[in-house]
Amino acid sequence: MPSLENRSVRLPRLAFVVRLLFALFLVGTGIMTMGFGVNGYPVGDPPNELDQFMLALEKTGYLIFWVGFLKTVAGGLMFFPRTTPLAILMALPYAFNILLYVTFFAHQYLVVGIPDFAACVLLIYCYFDWYRPIFAGPTTAAIQDASGDEHAL
């Protein structure tokens, strides 16, 4: 497994800019989503199909507040280089969900959903060296028993 010093970020300048913009987006929309969880989803008069879907989602008790909270936390963690790999993984389910949502329901928000998902995928690519140990096979390590003999795990 590469040590922390050997883990690099691909396309570091692009990753830095995308990371900060994505973090700002997550924090901003996370706070907005928490507001929807507390105050309810704003609907037009009369509610269109998308509004009706969001109202039905609200009635199911879907955890809108907690989704917003986790988006805000992920965005906040993304501001710090050390916690960015964790924040990207935290944001991936949200970004994929938004991609599906704008693709199948809210077509007018494709201009937001596609760049949101693309930013997350680009950051996963840029920070892939940090995730490489997850996909590595088992390693053998020698340990010493009480008598001082070495054995492989």
Protein backbone atom coordinates (compact mmCIF):
# COMPACT_ATOMS: atom_id res chain seq x y z
CA MET A 1 0.00 0.00 0.00
CA PRO A 2 1.45 3.38 -0.92
CA SER A 3 2.29 5.56 2.01
CA LEU A 4 0.58 8.91 2.42
CA GLU A 5 3.64 10.64 0.98
CA ASN A 6 3.44 8.56 -2.22
CA ARG A 7 -0.23 9.23 -2.87
CA SER A 8 -0.58 11.92 -5.46
CA VAL A 9 -3.41 13.87 -6.99
CA ARG A 10 -3.78 13.67 -10.74
CA LEU A 11 -4.29 17.00 -12.52
CA PRO A 12 -3.67 18.93 -9.28
CA ARG A 13 -4.62 22.41 -10.48
CA LEU A 14 -7.83 21.27 -12.12
CA ALA A 15 -8.63 19.08 -9.11
CA PHE A 16 -8.10 22.05 -6.77
CA VAL A 17 -10.50 24.30 -8.70
CA VAL A 18 -13.14 21.59 -9.16
CA ARG A 19 -12.81 20.57 -5.50
CA LEU A 20 -13.43 24.12 -4.25
CA LEU A 21 -16.33 24.76 -6.64
CA PHE A 22 -17.91 21.41 -5.81
CA ALA A 23 -17.45 22.10 -2.09
CA LEU A 24 -19.16 25.48 -2.41
CA PHE A 25 -21.98 23.87 -4.40
CA LEU A 26 -22.44 21.11 -1.80
CA VAL A 27 -22.44 23.50 1.15
CA GLY A 28 -24.86 25.90 -0.54
CA THR A 29 -27.32 23.29 -1.75
CA GLY A 30 -26.95 21.34 1.49
CA ILE A 31 -28.08 24.33 3.53
CA MET A 32 -30.92 24.91 1.06
CA THR A 33 -31.98 21.25 1.30
CA MET A 34 -31.96 21.38 5.10
CA GLY A 35 -34.28 24.38 4.78
CA PHE A 36 -36.63 22.29 2.62
CA GLY A 37 -36.55 19.61 5.29
CA VAL A 38 -37.57 22.11 7.97
CA ASN A 39 -39.94 24.42 6.06
CA GLY A 40 -41.26 22.07 3.36
CA TYR A 41 -40.71 22.10 -0.39
CA PRO A 42 -41.93 25.27 -2.13
CA VAL A 43 -44.53 24.53 -4.80
CA GLY A 44 -46.18 26.60 -7.46
CA ASP A 45 -49.88 27.28 -7.77
CA PRO A 46 -51.09 24.97 -9.26
CA PRO A 47 -48.35 22.42 -8.51
CA ASN A 48 -46.80 20.89 -11.61
CA GLU A 49 -45.77 17.22 -11.87
CA LEU A 50 -42.34 17.84 -10.36
CA ASP A 51 -43.89 19.72 -7.42
CA GLN A 52 -46.33 16.86 -6.87
CA PHE A 53 -43.44 14.39 -6.85
CA MET A 54 -41.54 16.45 -4.26
CA LEU A 55 -44.67 16.79 -2.09
CA ALA A 56 -45.23 13.02 -2.26
CA LEU A 57 -41.58 12.49 -1.34
CA GLU A 58 -42.00 14.86 1.61
CA LYS A 59 -45.08 12.95 2.82
CA THR A 60 -43.17 9.67 2.85
CA GLY A 61 -40.87 11.03 5.53
CA TYR A 62 -37.84 10.87 3.24
CA LEU A 63 -34.96 12.28 5.21
CA ILE A 64 -34.55 15.54 3.27
CA PHE A 65 -33.02 17.33 6.26
CA TRP A 66 -30.39 14.62 6.79
CA VAL A 67 -29.54 14.48 3.09
CA GLY A 68 -28.90 18.23 3.24
CA PHE A 69 -26.87 17.83 6.41
CA LEU A 70 -24.63 15.17 4.85
CA LYS A 71 -24.19 17.31 1.73
CA THR A 72 -23.12 20.22 3.92
CA VAL A 73 -20.70 18.04 5.89
CA ALA A 74 -19.22 16.55 2.70
CA GLY A 75 -18.82 20.02 1.22
CA GLY A 76 -17.17 21.27 4.40
CA LEU A 77 -14.75 18.33 4.48
CA MET A 78 -13.86 18.99 0.86
CA PHE A 79 -12.30 22.34 1.78
CA PHE A 80 -9.49 20.49 3.56
CA PRO A 81 -7.05 18.49 1.41
CA ARG A 82 -6.61 15.76 4.01
CA THR A 83 -10.32 14.94 4.20
CA THR A 84 -11.13 15.42 0.52
CA PRO A 85 -11.00 11.70 -0.43
CA LEU A 86 -13.56 10.89 2.28
CA ALA A 87 -15.74 13.84 1.25
CA ILE A 88 -15.76 12.70 -2.37
CA LEU A 89 -16.97 9.25 -1.34
CA MET A 90 -19.64 10.85 0.85
CA ALA A 91 -20.83 12.99 -2.08
CA LEU A 92 -20.89 10.18 -4.67
CA PRO A 93 -24.31 8.68 -3.73
CA TYR A 94 -25.85 12.15 -3.70
CA ALA A 95 -24.31 13.06 -7.08
CA PHE A 96 -25.48 9.79 -8.65
CA ASN A 97 -28.97 10.27 -7.20
CA ILE A 98 -29.13 13.80 -8.62
CA LEU A 99 -28.01 12.53 -12.03
CA LEU A 100 -30.86 10.00 -12.01
CA TYR A 101 -33.33 12.59 -10.70
CA VAL A 102 -32.60 15.16 -13.40
CA THR A 103 -32.46 12.50 -16.11
CA PHE A 104 -35.82 10.92 -15.34
CA PHE A 105 -37.86 13.63 -13.58
CA ALA A 106 -36.53 17.18 -13.66
CA HIS A 107 -35.14 17.62 -17.16
CA GLN A 108 -34.94 21.39 -16.75
CA TYR A 109 -32.16 20.88 -14.14
CA LEU A 110 -29.88 18.82 -16.39
CA VAL A 111 -27.61 21.85 -16.61
CA VAL A 112 -26.96 21.45 -12.86
CA GLY A 113 -27.14 17.67 -12.44
CA ILE A 114 -24.69 16.63 -15.15
CA PRO A 115 -21.85 18.97 -14.04
CA ASP A 116 -22.52 17.94 -10.42
CA PHE A 117 -22.01 14.25 -11.25
CA ALA A 118 -19.13 15.02 -13.63
CA ALA A 119 -17.30 16.95 -10.89
CA CYS A 120 -17.62 14.01 -8.52
CA VAL A 121 -16.38 11.53 -11.15
CA LEU A 122 -13.46 13.81 -12.09
CA LEU A 123 -12.47 14.13 -8.43
CA ILE A 124 -12.61 10.35 -8.00
CA TYR A 125 -10.26 10.05 -10.97
CA CYS A 126 -7.94 12.73 -9.58
CA TYR A 127 -7.81 11.14 -6.11
CA PHE A 128 -7.79 7.52 -7.29
CA ASP A 129 -4.38 6.82 -5.73
CA TRP A 130 -6.05 7.36 -2.35
CA TYR A 131 -8.67 4.69 -3.19
CA ARG A 132 -6.30 2.17 -4.77
CA PRO A 133 -5.77 0.20 -1.49
CA ILE A 134 -9.51 -0.52 -1.42
CA PHE A 135 -9.15 -2.52 -4.65
CA ALA A 136 -5.82 -4.16 -3.79
CA GLY A 137 -5.74 -7.87 -3.15
CA PRO A 138 -4.84 -9.39 0.17
CA THR A 139 -1.28 -8.86 1.26
CA THR A 140 0.98 -11.21 3.10
CA ALA A 141 2.76 -9.84 6.08
CA ALA A 142 5.27 -11.58 8.24
CA ILE A 143 4.61 -11.60 11.97
CA GLN A 144 6.70 -12.86 14.80
CA ASP A 145 5.25 -15.24 17.33
CA ALA A 146 6.29 -15.39 20.97
CA SER A 147 9.29 -17.59 20.21
CA GLY A 148 10.64 -15.09 17.64
CA ASP A 149 9.84 -17.21 14.55
CA GLU A 150 8.35 -15.37 11.58
CA HIS A 151 5.13 -16.60 9.97
CA ALA A 152 3.18 -15.28 7.00
CA LEU A 153 -0.40 -14.20 7.55
